[in-house]
Amino acid sequence: MMKKGVIFSPSAAENLQEGFGQLARLMAATLGPSQGIVLNEKDTPGPPEILTDSATIARRIIALPDRQQDMGAMIVRQMVWRMKTRMGDGSATAAVLSQAILEEAYKLLTAGYSLVDIQDGVRFAADVALNHLQAMAQPAERQTTLAAVGIGATGHTRLGQILGEMVAILGAEAHLTTKDYMAPVLEREYVDGGRWTGNLISMGMENAPASHQAIQHNAHVALFADKLNDPAELVPLMRIIYNSQSKTLFLGCTEFGPEVESALVQTHASPQNGIKIVAVKLLRGGESGLQEQEDIATLTGATVLGPHNGRKLSSLTAEDLGFARRVSTQKDKFTITRGNGDPALVAERVKELVQHKNSLPKGDENIAKTEERIARLGNKLGVIQVGAHSKTERDFLIGASKKGAQAVKLAAQGGVVPGGATAYLHCLQAVQAAVNELSDVKKPGGMVLLKALKAPFEQILLNSGEPVPDFLMEQVLTHPPGMVYDVMQEQLIDGETAGLLDPAEVTVEALRSAVSGAMMALSVETIVLHKNPEMSYDP
């Protein structure tokens, strides 16, 4: 049975720091191109899980055996997972920085320095470093620059080049998804138009049987945000389509009753009326489903009918119909290309969605959904087709493509800094000058951060099996920031050429998160242990 109790410092602080360090050191092993791997024993039969992503490793660790040490480990766990959800990368760097900060700061605390003075010094120096990193950032406008970020983030040259090309073409607002590819190669697809999730109601509407697709050109678009049960509701719509020049219809609906499905299939198959129909059941309902239909309406010029505006499909007029040059279905998706919506209204809707996205906190799950809506309206959708010789390799590449896509988009938005942890080294001179101006009681805290800024570079060298000579740091600092040390080639090299560029936002956020996590751990003086604590599987 677990014991409850209240643990005070120094025992509380010592144990918390030990747990913090255990997990941070585990994360540190994954930093750099010659990263180590972590084997995770499964509860089910089979080989252990091979892990290289620090945030995933942290998520697999539910608790440490020692409950006091576990408190410190959970601070790291939450910090690195927050980095993962916000930035997609930088978790291992944040762990290494935070461990270095906490270790040095705790030495000062045990030596009798004031907690407040230590924290003030660390945060002051961190602000200087953060400002210097932001000033160091260079725009990532060229495809080669974006590809370098992709290569660095994925560790895969071909995948990094594809990501760089796609973001260069589609822009920072691109929405990139991955899907399995039959052949063991990597390919990309640019979606011409907007793509949504939905199922064709009948194979009888397919006109490209080899690919199981329904493809129609010059189609009218009708949208109904509710279940359609009565075939009589279709009569006004079919009359309008029959009398139109283009007798082709795309009908998107939340749900179709069986009698309605039968009527639509029969109408589509009838040679007398000449009407061709692509009827799709939309897979999202509720508020998010209505938002998707409104996006389709904006893109095509249609009106969404349904309970939200008190209109049945039988009330539809010709003015409620939209138009698209091409509609197509594939498995559980459909694509609408070159809708006839008002460009000004499309631009206004995109602007509203961008403002909404920018108002959301980093890491919010709605950001990705909003980005996808923006990309659909702006014709900025891309698909990375991932094929491999084995499931293990394919799963790795899919994970790498998602991570790399986020890194390349962040680079396109906020610029790049030198990779290989050398960006932090280039902050040393500015931080040292600022720390020298601090008062004697706060200067030691500033020196803590000064030493911590070297830790990621040192860890990358250690992971590669190299010693950590000071002259390597001196070499880096005597060259402009564009030159970075490549541990694989054991030489200074242009960062873009070597694929060693990092998104500035990731580098900044890693330092910011590290300071926050370390200062939180440093300030803990008491640990409260509950008799039956609730286990959290989510960080």
Protein backbone atom coordinates (compact mmCIF):
# COMPACT_ATOMS: atom_id res chain seq x y z
CA MET A 1 0.00 0.00 0.00
CA MET A 2 1.26 3.47 -0.86
CA LYS A 3 2.07 5.80 1.99
CA LYS A 4 0.89 9.36 2.30
CA GLY A 5 2.82 12.16 3.87
CA VAL A 6 4.39 15.58 3.55
CA ILE A 7 8.08 15.73 2.63
CA PHE A 8 10.02 18.91 3.34
CA SER A 9 13.35 20.18 2.04
CA PRO A 10 16.18 19.38 1.83
CA SER A 11 14.87 15.84 1.20
CA ALA A 12 12.06 17.08 -1.05
CA ALA A 13 14.34 19.25 -3.19
CA GLU A 14 17.07 16.60 -3.46
CA ASN A 15 14.70 13.85 -4.55
CA LEU A 16 12.81 16.08 -6.95
CA GLN A 17 16.06 17.17 -8.58
CA GLU A 18 17.20 13.55 -8.89
CA GLY A 19 13.97 12.52 -10.62
CA PHE A 20 14.16 15.59 -12.87
CA GLY A 21 17.71 14.62 -13.84
CA GLN A 22 16.90 10.94 -14.49
CA LEU A 23 14.30 11.73 -17.12
CA ALA A 24 16.23 14.67 -18.59
CA ARG A 25 19.35 12.51 -19.05
CA LEU A 26 17.24 9.91 -20.83
CA MET A 27 15.95 12.61 -23.21
CA ALA A 28 19.50 13.88 -23.74
CA ALA A 29 20.53 10.59 -25.32
CA THR A 30 18.28 11.35 -28.32
CA LEU A 31 19.80 14.75 -29.15
CA GLY A 32 21.68 15.23 -32.40
CA PRO A 33 22.13 13.32 -35.66
CA SER A 34 23.98 10.43 -33.96
CA GLN A 35 21.20 10.08 -31.42
CA GLY A 36 20.86 6.99 -29.25
CA ILE A 37 17.77 4.83 -29.11
CA VAL A 38 15.63 3.81 -26.16
CA LEU A 39 14.07 0.34 -25.95
CA ASN A 40 10.67 0.23 -24.30
CA GLU A 41 9.49 -3.17 -23.07
CA LYS A 42 5.89 -3.80 -24.06
CA ASP A 43 3.19 -5.36 -21.90
CA THR A 44 2.28 -7.63 -24.81
CA PRO A 45 4.45 -10.34 -26.42
CA GLY A 46 6.86 -9.22 -29.09
CA PRO A 47 10.05 -7.23 -29.47
CA PRO A 48 10.58 -4.03 -27.47
CA GLU A 49 9.48 -0.72 -28.92
CA ILE A 50 12.31 1.26 -30.51
CA LEU A 51 12.08 4.95 -29.60
CA THR A 52 14.18 7.91 -30.74
CA ASP A 53 11.72 10.78 -30.18
CA SER A 54 12.28 12.28 -26.73
CA ALA A 55 8.68 13.40 -26.22
CA THR A 56 7.35 9.93 -27.06
CA ILE A 57 9.88 8.42 -24.65
CA ALA A 58 8.67 10.76 -21.93
CA ARG A 59 5.06 9.85 -22.62
CA ARG A 60 5.82 6.14 -22.23
CA ILE A 61 7.14 6.73 -18.69
CA ILE A 62 4.07 6.86 -16.47
CA ALA A 63 5.89 7.03 -13.14
CA LEU A 64 9.26 6.43 -11.45
CA PRO A 65 9.42 3.85 -8.65
CA ASP A 66 10.45 6.48 -6.09
CA ARG A 67 7.43 8.74 -5.61
CA GLN A 68 9.46 11.76 -4.48
CA GLN A 69 11.75 11.50 -7.49
CA ASP A 70 8.70 10.94 -9.68
CA MET A 71 7.56 14.50 -8.94
CA GLY A 72 10.66 15.88 -10.66
CA ALA A 73 10.38 13.46 -13.57
CA MET A 74 6.80 14.52 -14.21
CA ILE A 75 7.86 18.18 -14.49
CA VAL A 76 10.22 17.18 -17.32
CA ARG A 77 7.59 14.91 -18.85
CA GLN A 78 5.06 17.71 -19.04
CA MET A 79 7.64 20.20 -20.35
CA VAL A 80 8.89 18.05 -23.23
CA TRP A 81 5.40 16.98 -24.26
CA ARG A 82 4.30 20.61 -24.32
CA MET A 83 7.23 21.32 -26.64
CA LYS A 84 6.08 18.44 -28.84
CA THR A 85 2.49 19.66 -29.11
CA ARG A 86 3.44 23.30 -29.62
CA MET A 87 6.47 23.02 -31.89
CA GLY A 88 6.69 19.41 -33.05
CA ASP A 89 10.42 19.38 -32.21
CA GLY A 90 12.94 20.71 -29.69
CA SER A 91 11.92 18.46 -26.79
CA ALA A 92 15.37 16.94 -26.24
CA THR A 93 17.00 20.36 -26.45
CA ALA A 94 14.60 21.73 -23.84
CA ALA A 95 15.36 18.76 -21.57
CA VAL A 96 19.13 19.26 -21.84
CA LEU A 97 18.87 23.01 -21.21
CA SER A 98 16.55 22.61 -18.24
CA GLN A 99 18.72 19.94 -16.61
CA ALA A 100 21.81 22.14 -16.96
CA ILE A 101 19.99 25.16 -15.52
CA LEU A 102 18.54 23.23 -12.56
CA GLU A 103 21.81 21.50 -11.73
CA GLU A 104 23.83 24.72 -11.57
CA ALA A 105 21.06 26.71 -9.88
CA TYR A 106 20.62 24.05 -7.19
CA LYS A 107 24.34 24.25 -6.38
CA LEU A 108 23.90 27.96 -5.69
CA LEU A 109 20.79 27.34 -3.61
CA THR A 110 22.53 24.77 -1.39
CA ALA A 111 25.48 27.17 -1.05
CA GLY A 112 23.15 29.71 0.55
CA TYR A 113 22.22 32.03 -2.31
CA SER A 114 18.72 33.49 -2.32
CA LEU A 115 16.16 31.64 -4.47
CA VAL A 116 14.72 34.95 -5.68
CA ASP A 117 18.14 36.32 -6.68
CA ILE A 118 19.01 33.10 -8.54
CA GLN A 119 15.71 33.16 -10.43
CA ASP A 120 16.06 36.86 -11.25
CA GLY A 121 19.56 36.33 -12.63
CA VAL A 122 18.57 33.30 -14.71
CA ARG A 123 15.50 34.98 -16.17
CA PHE A 124 17.36 38.20 -16.94
CA ALA A 125 20.07 36.30 -18.83
CA ALA A 126 17.43 34.20 -20.57
CA ASP A 127 15.64 37.32 -21.83
CA VAL A 128 18.90 38.56 -23.31
CA ALA A 129 19.51 35.21 -25.02
CA LEU A 130 15.93 35.03 -26.34
CA ASN A 131 16.17 38.51 -27.82
CA HIS A 132 19.50 37.65 -29.43
CA LEU A 133 18.09 34.44 -30.93
CA GLN A 134 15.17 36.32 -32.44
CA ALA A 135 17.52 38.95 -33.88
CA MET A 136 19.71 36.16 -35.29
CA ALA A 137 16.84 34.61 -37.26
CA GLN A 138 17.14 34.81 -41.04
CA PRO A 139 14.18 34.54 -43.44
CA ALA A 140 13.64 31.09 -44.95
CA GLU A 141 12.44 32.08 -48.40
CA ARG A 142 14.45 29.79 -50.67
CA GLN A 143 13.52 26.18 -51.29
CA THR A 144 17.06 25.06 -50.44
CA THR A 145 16.79 26.73 -47.04
CA LEU A 146 13.47 25.08 -46.29
CA ALA A 147 14.83 21.73 -47.49
CA ALA A 148 17.79 22.10 -45.10
CA VAL A 149 15.35 22.50 -42.21
CA GLY A 150 13.41 19.46 -43.42
CA ILE A 151 16.55 17.34 -43.65
CA GLY A 152 17.64 18.40 -40.19
CA ALA A 153 14.24 17.70 -38.65
CA THR A 154 13.70 14.30 -40.30
CA GLY A 155 17.24 13.00 -40.69
CA HIS A 156 16.23 11.92 -44.20
CA THR A 157 17.54 13.74 -47.28
CA ARG A 158 14.81 12.80 -49.75
CA LEU A 159 11.97 13.47 -47.30
CA GLY A 160 13.50 16.79 -46.26
CA GLN A 161 13.81 17.88 -49.88
CA ILE A 162 10.17 16.99 -50.59
CA LEU A 163 8.98 18.97 -47.55
CA GLY A 164 11.10 21.95 -48.57
CA GLU A 165 9.66 21.90 -52.08
CA MET A 166 6.06 21.59 -50.90
CA VAL A 167 6.25 24.47 -48.42
CA ALA A 168 8.14 26.60 -50.95
CA ILE A 169 5.31 26.07 -53.46
CA LEU A 170 2.30 26.11 -51.15
CA GLY A 171 3.58 28.56 -48.54
CA ALA A 172 3.72 28.56 -44.75
CA GLU A 173 -0.08 28.11 -44.65
CA ALA A 174 0.19 24.72 -46.38
CA HIS A 175 -1.61 21.78 -44.82
CA LEU A 176 0.42 18.63 -45.44
CA THR A 177 -0.89 15.16 -44.71
CA THR A 178 0.66 11.72 -45.11
CA LYS A 179 -0.73 8.51 -46.52
CA ASP A 180 0.59 5.03 -47.21
CA TYR A 181 2.01 4.41 -50.66
CA MET A 182 2.23 0.97 -52.23
CA ALA A 183 5.71 1.30 -53.75
CA PRO A 184 8.76 1.69 -51.45
CA VAL A 185 9.35 5.30 -52.49
CA LEU A 186 8.49 8.79 -51.29
CA GLU A 187 6.26 10.94 -53.47
CA ARG A 188 4.10 14.05 -53.12
CA GLU A 189 0.74 15.16 -54.42
CA TYR A 190 -0.54 18.70 -54.77
CA VAL A 191 -4.29 18.86 -54.31
CA ASP A 192 -5.92 21.13 -56.86
CA GLY A 193 -8.78 22.56 -54.82
CA GLY A 194 -10.20 21.72 -51.40
CA ARG A 195 -10.46 18.21 -49.98
CA TRP A 196 -12.89 17.06 -47.28
CA THR A 197 -13.87 13.77 -45.66
CA GLY A 198 -17.00 12.10 -47.01
CA ASN A 199 -18.30 8.87 -48.52
CA LEU A 200 -19.90 8.40 -51.91
CA ILE A 201 -23.33 6.93 -51.14
CA SER A 202 -23.20 4.30 -53.90
CA MET A 203 -20.67 2.57 -56.12
CA GLY A 204 -23.26 3.03 -58.87
CA MET A 205 -22.14 6.66 -59.15
CA GLU A 206 -18.52 5.73 -59.90
CA ASN A 207 -17.44 6.44 -63.47
CA ALA A 208 -13.77 5.55 -62.98
CA PRO A 209 -14.13 1.99 -61.69
CA ALA A 210 -10.43 1.14 -61.85
CA SER A 211 -9.69 3.74 -59.17
CA HIS A 212 -13.16 3.58 -57.54
CA GLN A 213 -13.76 7.24 -58.20
CA ALA A 214 -16.71 9.35 -59.17
CA ILE A 215 -15.48 12.27 -61.30
CA GLN A 216 -17.71 14.94 -62.81
CA HIS A 217 -16.97 18.26 -64.46
CA ASN A 218 -18.92 21.53 -64.44
CA ALA A 219 -21.06 20.47 -61.49
CA HIS A 220 -23.74 22.38 -59.63
CA VAL A 221 -23.25 22.22 -55.86
CA ALA A 222 -26.07 21.73 -53.33
CA LEU A 223 -25.49 21.49 -49.56
CA PHE A 224 -27.85 20.28 -46.84
CA ALA A 225 -26.78 20.20 -43.17
CA ASP A 226 -29.22 17.59 -41.93
CA LYS A 227 -30.55 14.10 -42.62
CA LEU A 228 -32.49 13.80 -45.87
CA ASN A 229 -35.28 11.21 -45.54
CA ASP A 230 -38.02 12.08 -48.02
CA PRO A 231 -37.31 11.64 -51.77
CA ALA A 232 -39.97 14.29 -52.44
CA GLU A 233 -37.48 16.83 -51.05
CA LEU A 234 -35.31 16.19 -54.11
CA VAL A 235 -37.94 17.20 -56.70
CA PRO A 236 -37.26 21.00 -56.87
CA LEU A 237 -33.51 20.37 -57.01
CA MET A 238 -33.75 17.80 -59.78
CA ARG A 239 -36.06 20.05 -61.78
CA ILE A 240 -33.48 22.86 -61.66
CA ILE A 241 -30.65 20.51 -62.67
CA TYR A 242 -32.68 18.97 -65.50
CA ASN A 243 -33.44 22.41 -66.97
CA SER A 244 -29.86 23.66 -66.65
CA GLN A 245 -27.20 23.62 -69.34
CA SER A 246 -24.90 21.40 -67.28
CA LYS A 247 -26.92 18.49 -65.91
CA THR A 248 -24.32 17.56 -63.31
CA LEU A 249 -24.82 17.77 -59.52
CA PHE A 250 -22.68 17.45 -56.42
CA LEU A 251 -24.91 16.95 -53.38
CA GLY A 252 -23.31 17.08 -49.93
CA CYS A 253 -25.50 16.04 -47.03
CA THR A 254 -25.04 15.10 -43.37
CA GLU A 255 -26.98 11.86 -43.82
CA PHE A 256 -29.13 10.19 -46.45
CA GLY A 257 -32.13 7.97 -45.75
CA PRO A 258 -32.27 4.69 -47.74
CA GLU A 259 -35.18 5.83 -49.94
CA VAL A 260 -33.34 9.03 -50.83
CA GLU A 261 -30.18 7.07 -51.69
CA SER A 262 -32.22 4.80 -53.96
CA ALA A 263 -33.88 7.76 -55.70
CA LEU A 264 -30.53 9.47 -56.31
CA VAL A 265 -28.93 6.31 -57.73
CA GLN A 266 -31.89 5.73 -60.04
CA THR A 267 -31.82 9.33 -61.24
CA HIS A 268 -28.07 9.11 -61.89
CA ALA A 269 -28.46 5.84 -63.82
CA SER A 270 -31.45 6.94 -65.93
CA PRO A 271 -30.41 7.61 -69.55
CA GLN A 272 -33.60 9.62 -70.23
CA ASN A 273 -32.88 12.65 -68.01
CA GLY A 274 -29.11 12.88 -68.63
CA ILE A 275 -28.46 13.93 -64.99
CA LYS A 276 -25.21 12.81 -63.42
CA ILE A 277 -24.88 12.94 -59.63
CA VAL A 278 -22.08 12.75 -57.08
CA ALA A 279 -23.86 12.40 -53.73
CA VAL A 280 -21.61 12.40 -50.66
CA LYS A 281 -22.39 11.76 -47.02
CA LEU A 282 -20.26 14.19 -45.04
CA LEU A 283 -18.41 12.48 -42.21
CA ARG A 284 -18.42 15.38 -39.79
CA GLY A 285 -21.60 16.52 -38.11
CA GLY A 286 -22.50 19.10 -35.49
CA GLU A 287 -20.85 22.51 -35.39
CA SER A 288 -17.62 21.39 -37.08
CA GLY A 289 -19.61 19.75 -39.88
CA LEU A 290 -21.61 22.91 -40.45
CA GLN A 291 -18.37 24.93 -40.56
CA GLU A 292 -17.02 22.60 -43.24
CA GLN A 293 -20.18 22.99 -45.30
CA GLU A 294 -19.96 26.77 -44.93
CA ASP A 295 -16.37 26.60 -46.23
CA ILE A 296 -17.54 24.57 -49.24
CA ALA A 297 -20.33 27.10 -49.76
CA THR A 298 -17.84 29.99 -49.72
CA LEU A 299 -15.58 28.19 -52.19
CA THR A 300 -18.40 27.34 -54.63
CA GLY A 301 -20.97 30.11 -54.12
CA ALA A 302 -23.61 27.73 -52.67
CA THR A 303 -26.00 28.24 -49.76
CA VAL A 304 -26.07 25.71 -46.92
CA LEU A 305 -29.66 24.72 -46.17
CA GLY A 306 -30.74 23.09 -42.92
CA PRO A 307 -32.13 23.60 -39.42
CA HIS A 308 -29.65 26.42 -38.70
CA ASN A 309 -31.54 28.69 -41.14
CA GLY A 310 -34.90 26.91 -41.08
CA ARG A 311 -34.75 25.80 -44.70
CA LYS A 312 -35.55 22.39 -46.14
CA LEU A 313 -33.99 21.12 -49.34
CA SER A 314 -37.39 21.48 -51.01
CA SER A 315 -37.07 25.26 -50.62
CA LEU A 316 -33.91 25.37 -52.74
CA THR A 317 -33.78 27.81 -55.65
CA ALA A 318 -31.27 28.20 -58.48
CA GLU A 319 -29.63 31.03 -56.49
CA ASP A 320 -28.79 28.53 -53.69
CA LEU A 321 -26.66 26.40 -56.01
CA GLY A 322 -22.92 26.74 -56.22
CA PHE A 323 -20.69 25.60 -59.06
CA ALA A 324 -17.37 23.80 -59.42
CA ARG A 325 -15.30 22.97 -62.48
CA ARG A 326 -14.57 19.49 -61.12
CA VAL A 327 -15.69 17.25 -58.28
CA SER A 328 -14.21 13.85 -57.47
CA THR A 329 -14.35 11.21 -54.76
CA GLN A 330 -11.73 8.78 -53.53
CA LYS A 331 -12.26 6.33 -50.63
CA ASP A 332 -13.45 8.49 -47.74
CA LYS A 333 -12.56 11.84 -49.32
CA PHE A 334 -13.89 14.18 -51.94
CA THR A 335 -12.26 17.08 -53.75
CA ILE A 336 -13.82 20.24 -55.15
CA THR A 337 -11.71 22.08 -57.71
CA ARG A 338 -12.06 25.66 -58.93
CA GLY A 339 -15.28 26.62 -57.23
CA ASN A 340 -17.26 29.58 -58.46
CA GLY A 341 -17.32 31.44 -55.15
CA ASP A 342 -16.67 35.17 -54.92
CA PRO A 343 -12.87 35.60 -54.53
CA ALA A 344 -13.42 38.54 -52.18
CA LEU A 345 -15.62 36.42 -49.90
CA VAL A 346 -13.10 33.59 -49.98
CA ALA A 347 -10.31 36.02 -49.03
CA GLU A 348 -12.44 37.47 -46.22
CA ARG A 349 -13.18 34.02 -44.81
CA VAL A 350 -9.50 33.09 -44.94
CA LYS A 351 -8.67 36.32 -43.11
CA GLU A 352 -11.20 35.51 -40.39
CA LEU A 353 -9.79 32.01 -39.97
CA VAL A 354 -6.22 33.32 -39.75
CA GLN A 355 -7.26 35.76 -37.04
CA HIS A 356 -9.00 32.94 -35.18
CA LYS A 357 -5.93 30.73 -35.43
CA ASN A 358 -3.65 33.48 -34.15
CA SER A 359 -5.94 34.00 -31.15
CA LEU A 360 -5.56 30.37 -30.03
CA PRO A 361 -2.87 29.45 -27.48
CA LYS A 362 0.11 27.46 -28.74
CA GLY A 363 -0.57 23.75 -28.68
CA ASP A 364 -4.35 24.13 -28.92
CA GLU A 365 -5.84 21.18 -30.82
CA ASN A 366 -8.01 23.54 -32.88
CA ILE A 367 -4.97 25.15 -34.53
CA ALA A 368 -4.42 22.20 -36.88
CA LYS A 369 -8.12 22.07 -37.78
CA THR A 370 -8.16 25.80 -38.53
CA GLU A 371 -4.97 25.54 -40.60
CA GLU A 372 -6.58 22.79 -42.65
CA ARG A 373 -9.64 24.98 -43.31
CA ILE A 374 -7.39 27.85 -44.40
CA ALA A 375 -5.42 25.57 -46.72
CA ARG A 376 -8.59 24.19 -48.34
CA LEU A 377 -9.86 27.64 -49.15
CA GLY A 378 -6.46 28.85 -50.30
CA ASN A 379 -5.63 25.86 -52.50
CA LYS A 380 -2.68 24.95 -50.27
CA LEU A 381 -3.19 21.23 -49.65
CA GLY A 382 -0.46 18.66 -50.15
CA VAL A 383 -0.12 14.93 -49.52
CA ILE A 384 3.15 13.13 -48.76
CA GLN A 385 2.92 9.56 -50.04
CA VAL A 386 5.07 7.33 -47.85
CA GLY A 387 6.17 3.88 -49.00
CA ALA A 388 8.84 1.61 -47.52
CA HIS A 389 10.14 -1.97 -47.53
CA SER A 390 8.84 -2.68 -44.02
CA LYS A 391 6.14 -1.48 -41.64
CA THR A 392 8.77 -0.31 -39.16
CA GLU A 393 10.45 1.86 -41.78
CA ARG A 394 7.12 3.20 -43.04
CA ASP A 395 5.95 4.09 -39.52
CA PHE A 396 9.24 5.89 -38.89
CA LEU A 397 8.95 7.88 -42.13
CA ILE A 398 5.33 8.84 -41.42
CA GLY A 399 6.31 10.13 -37.98
CA ALA A 400 9.31 11.94 -39.42
CA SER A 401 7.22 13.55 -42.17
CA LYS A 402 4.75 14.96 -39.64
CA LYS A 403 7.54 16.31 -37.47
CA GLY A 404 9.43 17.67 -40.46
CA ALA A 405 6.37 19.33 -41.98
CA GLN A 406 5.76 21.30 -38.80
CA ALA A 407 9.42 22.33 -38.59
CA VAL A 408 9.57 23.52 -42.22
CA LYS A 409 6.34 25.50 -41.87
CA LEU A 410 7.63 27.14 -38.68
CA ALA A 411 10.83 28.04 -40.53
CA ALA A 412 8.81 29.60 -43.35
CA GLN A 413 6.85 31.63 -40.81
CA GLY A 414 9.54 32.72 -38.36
CA GLY A 415 12.89 32.21 -40.07
CA VAL A 416 15.86 29.99 -39.24
CA VAL A 417 18.89 29.99 -36.96
CA PRO A 418 22.07 27.89 -37.10
CA GLY A 419 21.46 24.25 -36.18
CA GLY A 420 23.54 21.78 -34.22
CA ALA A 421 22.85 23.87 -31.07
CA THR A 422 25.34 26.50 -32.32
CA ALA A 423 22.69 29.24 -32.17
CA TYR A 424 22.91 29.14 -28.37
CA LEU A 425 26.70 29.49 -28.55
CA HIS A 426 26.31 32.66 -30.60
CA CYS A 427 24.31 34.14 -27.70
CA LEU A 428 27.20 33.76 -25.22
CA GLN A 429 28.93 37.05 -25.89
CA ALA A 430 25.75 39.13 -25.57
CA VAL A 431 24.65 37.27 -22.42
CA GLN A 432 28.11 37.59 -20.84
CA ALA A 433 28.14 41.36 -21.43
CA ALA A 434 24.69 41.73 -19.89
CA VAL A 435 25.46 39.50 -16.89
CA ASN A 436 28.57 41.55 -16.13
CA GLU A 437 26.27 44.50 -15.46
CA LEU A 438 24.18 42.63 -12.87
CA SER A 439 24.54 43.20 -9.15
CA ASP A 440 26.75 40.80 -7.21
CA VAL A 441 23.76 38.94 -5.73
CA LYS A 442 22.07 38.35 -9.10
CA LYS A 443 25.15 37.74 -11.22
CA PRO A 444 25.54 34.06 -10.16
CA GLY A 445 22.05 33.34 -11.53
CA GLY A 446 23.06 34.90 -14.83
CA MET A 447 26.17 32.74 -14.92
CA VAL A 448 23.94 29.66 -14.53
CA LEU A 449 22.27 30.37 -17.84
CA LEU A 450 25.58 31.27 -19.46
CA LYS A 451 26.87 27.78 -18.69
CA ALA A 452 23.59 26.10 -19.67
CA LEU A 453 23.68 27.61 -23.17
CA LYS A 454 26.70 25.42 -23.92
CA ALA A 455 25.00 22.21 -22.75
CA PRO A 456 23.11 21.22 -25.96
CA PHE A 457 26.25 21.59 -28.09
CA GLU A 458 28.25 19.57 -25.58
CA GLN A 459 25.55 16.88 -25.45
CA ILE A 460 25.49 16.50 -29.24
CA LEU A 461 29.26 15.96 -29.19
CA LEU A 462 28.96 13.42 -26.37
CA ASN A 463 26.23 11.52 -28.22
CA SER A 464 28.48 11.31 -31.28
CA GLY A 465 31.32 9.85 -29.23
CA GLU A 466 33.52 12.91 -29.56
CA PRO A 467 35.26 14.66 -26.68
CA VAL A 468 34.11 18.19 -25.88
CA PRO A 469 37.19 20.36 -26.40
CA ASP A 470 36.80 24.07 -25.83
CA PHE A 471 38.55 24.87 -29.09
CA LEU A 472 35.53 23.52 -31.03
CA MET A 473 33.32 26.12 -29.41
CA GLU A 474 35.94 28.74 -30.13
CA GLN A 475 36.00 27.65 -33.77
CA VAL A 476 32.25 28.02 -34.01
CA LEU A 477 32.31 31.47 -32.44
CA THR A 478 35.10 32.77 -34.70
CA HIS A 479 32.94 32.08 -37.77
CA PRO A 480 29.70 33.77 -38.81
CA PRO A 481 26.46 32.08 -37.61
CA GLY A 482 25.90 30.53 -41.02
CA MET A 483 28.75 28.10 -40.32
CA VAL A 484 27.92 25.22 -37.98
CA TYR A 485 29.83 22.24 -36.64
CA ASP A 486 28.71 18.99 -38.26
CA VAL A 487 29.50 16.09 -35.91
CA MET A 488 28.96 13.56 -38.69
CA GLN A 489 31.61 15.14 -40.93
CA GLU A 490 33.63 16.48 -37.97
CA GLN A 491 34.08 19.90 -39.51
CA LEU A 492 32.62 23.36 -39.74
CA ILE A 493 30.30 23.61 -42.71
CA ASP A 494 27.65 25.89 -44.17
CA GLY A 495 24.42 25.16 -42.31
CA GLU A 496 22.22 25.19 -45.38
CA THR A 497 24.53 22.87 -47.31
CA ALA A 498 24.70 20.41 -44.42
CA GLY A 499 20.98 20.51 -43.64
CA LEU A 500 21.75 22.03 -40.23
CA LEU A 501 19.26 24.85 -39.85
CA ASP A 502 16.60 25.04 -37.14
CA PRO A 503 13.33 26.98 -37.04
CA ALA A 504 13.93 30.06 -34.91
CA GLU A 505 10.62 29.58 -33.10
CA VAL A 506 11.61 26.08 -31.96
CA THR A 507 15.00 27.24 -30.71
CA VAL A 508 13.43 30.13 -28.81
CA GLU A 509 10.63 28.04 -27.32
CA ALA A 510 13.05 25.31 -26.18
CA LEU A 511 15.01 27.84 -24.11
CA ARG A 512 11.86 29.52 -22.80
CA SER A 513 10.35 26.18 -21.74
CA ALA A 514 13.62 25.01 -20.19
CA VAL A 515 13.89 28.09 -17.98
CA SER A 516 10.27 27.78 -16.90
CA GLY A 517 10.59 24.07 -16.06
CA ALA A 518 13.88 24.45 -14.18
CA MET A 519 12.70 27.43 -12.15
CA MET A 520 9.52 25.57 -11.20
CA ALA A 521 11.54 22.58 -9.99
CA LEU A 522 14.01 24.79 -8.14
CA SER A 523 11.28 26.54 -6.18
CA VAL A 524 9.70 23.34 -4.77
CA GLU A 525 10.29 23.01 -1.02
CA THR A 526 7.53 20.61 -0.05
CA ILE A 527 6.16 17.42 -1.64
CA VAL A 528 2.72 16.10 -0.67
CA LEU A 529 2.26 12.37 -1.23
CA HIS A 530 -1.29 11.04 -1.44
CA LYS A 531 -2.32 7.55 -0.37
CA ASN A 532 -3.92 6.64 -3.71
CA PRO A 533 -2.68 9.13 -6.33
CA GLU A 534 -4.47 9.21 -9.67
CA MET A 535 -2.24 7.98 -12.49
CA SER A 536 -2.01 10.25 -15.51
CA TYR A 537 -1.22 8.65 -18.87
CA ASP A 538 -1.30 12.00 -20.63
CA PRO A 539 1.57 14.42 -19.84
